[in-house]
Amino acid sequence: MARNLLEQLREMTVVVADTGDIQAIESFTPQDATTNPSLITAAAQMPQYQGIVDETLKKARKELGKDTAAKEVASLAFERLAVVFGQRILKIIPGRVSTEV
């Protein structure tokens, strides 16, 4: 049976995903994953991750208080998004997640 390129690569190396797109990671099942602020920003703008973004913003607002400036809330939420996406990715892959900050 003919193997695709990804299957052939798996025999020679460790496949690592460099993305914040959780669904892409699920479909390619890499060993490890890396992500960074740009990739998290791109993923956070995808409709399928709106719930993650909304929940992270709510938690940041609750933690900082209702009188905190929106910019501060957004800053904290963005930091937390990297952690939340990393946690979700860890539920999928058997290896490690590296998140650049």
N, C-alpha and C. Protein backbone atom coordinates (compact mmCIF):
# COMPACT_ATOMS: atom_id res chain seq x y z
N MET A 1 0.85 -1.18 0.00
CA MET A 1 0.00 0.00 0.00
C MET A 1 0.90 1.24 0.00
N ALA A 2 0.55 2.21 -0.80
CA ALA A 2 1.32 3.44 -0.90
C ALA A 2 1.13 4.28 0.37
N ARG A 3 2.24 4.79 0.87
CA ARG A 3 2.19 5.64 2.05
C ARG A 3 2.31 7.10 1.61
N ASN A 4 1.64 7.97 2.33
CA ASN A 4 1.76 9.38 1.99
C ASN A 4 3.06 9.93 2.58
N LEU A 5 3.39 11.14 2.22
CA LEU A 5 4.64 11.75 2.65
C LEU A 5 4.74 11.87 4.17
N LEU A 6 3.64 12.22 4.82
CA LEU A 6 3.66 12.34 6.28
C LEU A 6 4.00 11.01 6.94
N GLU A 7 3.42 9.94 6.45
CA GLU A 7 3.72 8.61 7.00
C GLU A 7 5.18 8.26 6.80
N GLN A 8 5.72 8.60 5.65
CA GLN A 8 7.13 8.34 5.38
C GLN A 8 8.03 9.15 6.30
N LEU A 9 7.68 10.40 6.53
CA LEU A 9 8.46 11.25 7.43
C LEU A 9 8.45 10.73 8.86
N ARG A 10 7.31 10.22 9.29
CA ARG A 10 7.21 9.68 10.66
C ARG A 10 8.21 8.55 10.91
N GLU A 11 8.58 7.83 9.86
CA GLU A 11 9.54 6.74 10.00
C GLU A 11 10.96 7.25 10.20
N MET A 12 11.23 8.48 9.80
CA MET A 12 12.59 9.01 9.82
C MET A 12 12.83 10.10 10.86
N THR A 13 11.77 10.71 11.34
CA THR A 13 11.94 11.86 12.22
C THR A 13 10.73 12.02 13.13
N VAL A 14 10.83 12.95 14.04
CA VAL A 14 9.71 13.29 14.92
C VAL A 14 8.91 14.41 14.26
N VAL A 15 7.63 14.20 14.11
CA VAL A 15 6.76 15.21 13.51
C VAL A 15 6.33 16.20 14.59
N VAL A 16 6.56 17.48 14.32
CA VAL A 16 6.22 18.55 15.25
C VAL A 16 5.32 19.55 14.54
N ALA A 17 4.22 19.91 15.16
CA ALA A 17 3.32 20.92 14.60
C ALA A 17 3.75 22.29 15.09
N ASP A 18 3.76 23.26 14.21
CA ASP A 18 4.09 24.64 14.56
C ASP A 18 2.85 25.48 14.26
N THR A 19 1.89 25.44 15.19
CA THR A 19 0.60 26.09 14.96
C THR A 19 -0.13 26.27 16.29
N GLY A 20 -1.15 27.08 16.26
CA GLY A 20 -2.05 27.20 17.40
C GLY A 20 -3.41 26.60 17.07
N ASP A 21 -3.55 26.11 15.85
CA ASP A 21 -4.81 25.54 15.38
C ASP A 21 -4.98 24.13 15.93
N ILE A 22 -5.80 24.00 16.93
CA ILE A 22 -6.00 22.73 17.62
C ILE A 22 -6.55 21.67 16.68
N GLN A 23 -7.46 22.04 15.82
CA GLN A 23 -8.04 21.07 14.89
C GLN A 23 -7.00 20.54 13.90
N ALA A 24 -6.08 21.39 13.47
CA ALA A 24 -5.01 20.94 12.57
C ALA A 24 -4.12 19.94 13.30
N ILE A 25 -3.85 20.20 14.56
CA ILE A 25 -3.02 19.28 15.34
C ILE A 25 -3.74 17.94 15.49
N GLU A 26 -5.04 17.98 15.72
CA GLU A 26 -5.81 16.74 15.83
C GLU A 26 -5.74 15.93 14.54
N SER A 27 -5.78 16.60 13.41
CA SER A 27 -5.81 15.87 12.15
C SER A 27 -4.45 15.30 11.75
N PHE A 28 -3.35 15.95 12.15
CA PHE A 28 -2.03 15.47 11.75
C PHE A 28 -1.33 14.65 12.84
N THR A 29 -1.85 14.68 14.04
CA THR A 29 -1.32 13.93 15.19
C THR A 29 0.21 13.93 15.28
N PRO A 30 0.80 15.10 15.48
CA PRO A 30 2.25 15.16 15.65
C PRO A 30 2.68 14.63 17.01
N GLN A 31 3.96 14.40 17.17
CA GLN A 31 4.52 13.97 18.46
C GLN A 31 4.56 15.15 19.43
N ASP A 32 5.04 16.29 18.95
CA ASP A 32 5.20 17.50 19.75
C ASP A 32 4.57 18.68 19.02
N ALA A 33 4.50 19.82 19.71
CA ALA A 33 3.95 21.02 19.09
C ALA A 33 4.69 22.25 19.61
N THR A 34 4.80 23.24 18.76
CA THR A 34 5.33 24.54 19.17
C THR A 34 4.33 25.60 18.76
N THR A 35 4.32 26.68 19.50
CA THR A 35 3.44 27.78 19.16
C THR A 35 4.07 29.07 19.65
N ASN A 36 3.53 30.18 19.21
CA ASN A 36 4.06 31.49 19.61
C ASN A 36 2.92 32.50 19.57
N PRO A 37 3.16 33.73 20.01
CA PRO A 37 2.08 34.71 20.05
C PRO A 37 1.39 34.95 18.71
N SER A 38 2.13 34.94 17.62
CA SER A 38 1.51 35.15 16.31
C SER A 38 0.57 34.00 15.94
N LEU A 39 1.00 32.79 16.24
CA LEU A 39 0.17 31.62 15.93
C LEU A 39 -1.06 31.56 16.83
N ILE A 40 -0.91 31.95 18.08
CA ILE A 40 -2.05 31.99 19.00
C ILE A 40 -3.04 33.06 18.54
N THR A 41 -2.52 34.21 18.12
CA THR A 41 -3.39 35.29 17.63
C THR A 41 -4.19 34.81 16.42
N ALA A 42 -3.53 34.14 15.50
CA ALA A 42 -4.22 33.64 14.31
C ALA A 42 -5.30 32.63 14.68
N ALA A 43 -4.97 31.71 15.57
CA ALA A 43 -5.95 30.70 15.98
C ALA A 43 -7.10 31.33 16.75
N ALA A 44 -6.81 32.30 17.59
CA ALA A 44 -7.85 32.94 18.40
C ALA A 44 -8.87 33.68 17.55
N GLN A 45 -8.51 34.01 16.34
CA GLN A 45 -9.43 34.70 15.43
C GLN A 45 -10.32 33.74 14.66
N MET A 46 -10.06 32.44 14.77
CA MET A 46 -10.87 31.45 14.07
C MET A 46 -12.17 31.22 14.85
N PRO A 47 -13.28 31.13 14.14
CA PRO A 47 -14.57 30.98 14.81
C PRO A 47 -14.66 29.78 15.75
N GLN A 48 -14.00 28.70 15.42
CA GLN A 48 -14.10 27.49 16.25
C GLN A 48 -13.45 27.66 17.63
N TYR A 49 -12.66 28.72 17.81
CA TYR A 49 -12.01 28.94 19.09
C TYR A 49 -12.58 30.14 19.85
N GLN A 50 -13.69 30.67 19.38
CA GLN A 50 -14.31 31.83 20.01
C GLN A 50 -14.67 31.55 21.47
N GLY A 51 -15.12 30.35 21.76
CA GLY A 51 -15.46 29.99 23.13
C GLY A 51 -14.27 30.05 24.06
N ILE A 52 -13.12 29.60 23.58
CA ILE A 52 -11.89 29.66 24.38
C ILE A 52 -11.53 31.12 24.67
N VAL A 53 -11.61 31.95 23.65
CA VAL A 53 -11.28 33.37 23.80
C VAL A 53 -12.24 34.04 24.77
N ASP A 54 -13.53 33.81 24.59
CA ASP A 54 -14.53 34.43 25.46
C ASP A 54 -14.34 34.02 26.92
N GLU A 55 -14.12 32.75 27.15
CA GLU A 55 -13.95 32.26 28.52
C GLU A 55 -12.68 32.84 29.16
N THR A 56 -11.62 32.94 28.38
CA THR A 56 -10.37 33.50 28.90
C THR A 56 -10.53 34.98 29.22
N LEU A 57 -11.25 35.71 28.38
CA LEU A 57 -11.52 37.13 28.66
C LEU A 57 -12.37 37.29 29.92
N LYS A 58 -13.38 36.46 30.08
CA LYS A 58 -14.23 36.52 31.28
C LYS A 58 -13.42 36.30 32.55
N LYS A 59 -12.55 35.30 32.51
CA LYS A 59 -11.73 35.00 33.68
C LYS A 59 -10.76 36.14 33.99
N ALA A 60 -10.18 36.74 32.96
CA ALA A 60 -9.27 37.87 33.17
C ALA A 60 -10.02 39.06 33.76
N ARG A 61 -11.21 39.33 33.25
CA ARG A 61 -12.03 40.43 33.77
C ARG A 61 -12.39 40.19 35.23
N LYS A 62 -12.77 38.97 35.55
CA LYS A 62 -13.14 38.64 36.92
C LYS A 62 -11.94 38.79 37.86
N GLU A 63 -10.79 38.32 37.41
CA GLU A 63 -9.59 38.39 38.24
C GLU A 63 -9.15 39.83 38.49
N LEU A 64 -9.22 40.67 37.47
CA LEU A 64 -8.74 42.04 37.59
C LEU A 64 -9.78 43.01 38.13
N GLY A 65 -11.04 42.66 38.02
CA GLY A 65 -12.10 43.52 38.53
C GLY A 65 -12.75 44.33 37.42
N LYS A 66 -14.00 44.69 37.66
CA LYS A 66 -14.79 45.35 36.62
C LYS A 66 -14.31 46.76 36.28
N ASP A 67 -13.56 47.39 37.17
CA ASP A 67 -13.10 48.75 36.92
C ASP A 67 -11.75 48.82 36.21
N THR A 68 -11.17 47.68 35.92
CA THR A 68 -9.87 47.64 35.24
C THR A 68 -10.05 48.00 33.77
N ALA A 69 -9.09 48.74 33.24
CA ALA A 69 -9.14 49.16 31.84
C ALA A 69 -9.15 47.94 30.91
N ALA A 70 -9.88 48.07 29.82
CA ALA A 70 -10.00 46.98 28.85
C ALA A 70 -8.64 46.54 28.32
N LYS A 71 -7.72 47.48 28.16
CA LYS A 71 -6.38 47.15 27.66
C LYS A 71 -5.66 46.19 28.61
N GLU A 72 -5.78 46.43 29.90
CA GLU A 72 -5.15 45.56 30.90
C GLU A 72 -5.79 44.17 30.90
N VAL A 73 -7.10 44.14 30.78
CA VAL A 73 -7.82 42.86 30.73
C VAL A 73 -7.38 42.07 29.50
N ALA A 74 -7.32 42.75 28.37
CA ALA A 74 -6.92 42.09 27.12
C ALA A 74 -5.49 41.56 27.22
N SER A 75 -4.61 42.33 27.84
CA SER A 75 -3.22 41.91 27.99
C SER A 75 -3.11 40.63 28.82
N LEU A 76 -3.80 40.60 29.95
CA LEU A 76 -3.78 39.40 30.79
C LEU A 76 -4.42 38.23 30.06
N ALA A 77 -5.53 38.48 29.40
CA ALA A 77 -6.22 37.41 28.67
C ALA A 77 -5.33 36.82 27.59
N PHE A 78 -4.59 37.67 26.89
CA PHE A 78 -3.73 37.16 25.82
C PHE A 78 -2.63 36.26 26.39
N GLU A 79 -2.06 36.67 27.52
CA GLU A 79 -1.05 35.81 28.17
C GLU A 79 -1.66 34.46 28.54
N ARG A 80 -2.86 34.50 29.06
CA ARG A 80 -3.53 33.27 29.49
C ARG A 80 -3.94 32.40 28.30
N LEU A 81 -4.23 33.04 27.16
CA LEU A 81 -4.61 32.27 25.98
C LEU A 81 -3.51 31.30 25.57
N ALA A 82 -2.27 31.74 25.66
CA ALA A 82 -1.15 30.87 25.31
C ALA A 82 -1.16 29.62 26.19
N VAL A 83 -1.45 29.81 27.46
CA VAL A 83 -1.50 28.68 28.39
C VAL A 83 -2.68 27.77 28.07
N VAL A 84 -3.83 28.37 27.83
CA VAL A 84 -5.04 27.58 27.55
C VAL A 84 -4.87 26.78 26.26
N PHE A 85 -4.37 27.42 25.21
CA PHE A 85 -4.14 26.69 23.96
C PHE A 85 -3.12 25.57 24.19
N GLY A 86 -2.07 25.86 24.93
CA GLY A 86 -1.07 24.84 25.22
C GLY A 86 -1.66 23.65 25.96
N GLN A 87 -2.53 23.92 26.92
CA GLN A 87 -3.18 22.84 27.67
C GLN A 87 -4.06 22.00 26.76
N ARG A 88 -4.79 22.65 25.87
CA ARG A 88 -5.65 21.91 24.94
C ARG A 88 -4.82 21.04 24.01
N ILE A 89 -3.70 21.59 23.54
CA ILE A 89 -2.82 20.84 22.64
C ILE A 89 -2.24 19.63 23.37
N LEU A 90 -1.87 19.80 24.63
CA LEU A 90 -1.31 18.69 25.41
C LEU A 90 -2.29 17.53 25.57
N LYS A 91 -3.57 17.82 25.49
CA LYS A 91 -4.56 16.75 25.58
C LYS A 91 -4.59 15.90 24.31
N ILE A 92 -3.99 16.41 23.25
CA ILE A 92 -4.03 15.74 21.95
C ILE A 92 -2.74 14.98 21.64
N ILE A 93 -1.61 15.62 21.93
CA ILE A 93 -0.33 15.04 21.52
C ILE A 93 0.30 14.23 22.66
N PRO A 94 1.13 13.26 22.31
CA PRO A 94 1.79 12.48 23.35
C PRO A 94 3.05 13.14 23.91
N GLY A 95 3.57 14.12 23.20
CA GLY A 95 4.85 14.73 23.58
C GLY A 95 4.70 16.04 24.33
N ARG A 96 5.49 17.00 23.91
CA ARG A 96 5.59 18.29 24.60
C ARG A 96 5.05 19.43 23.75
N VAL A 97 4.69 20.50 24.45
CA VAL A 97 4.30 21.75 23.80
C VAL A 97 5.31 22.81 24.21
N SER A 98 5.86 23.49 23.23
CA SER A 98 6.77 24.60 23.49
C SER A 98 6.04 25.87 23.08
N THR A 99 5.93 26.80 24.02
CA THR A 99 5.24 28.06 23.73
C THR A 99 6.19 29.22 23.92
N GLU A 100 6.47 29.91 22.84
CA GLU A 100 7.30 31.11 22.91
C GLU A 100 6.45 32.23 23.47
N VAL A 101 7.04 33.02 24.34
CA VAL A 101 6.29 34.16 24.90
C VAL A 101 6.96 35.47 24.58
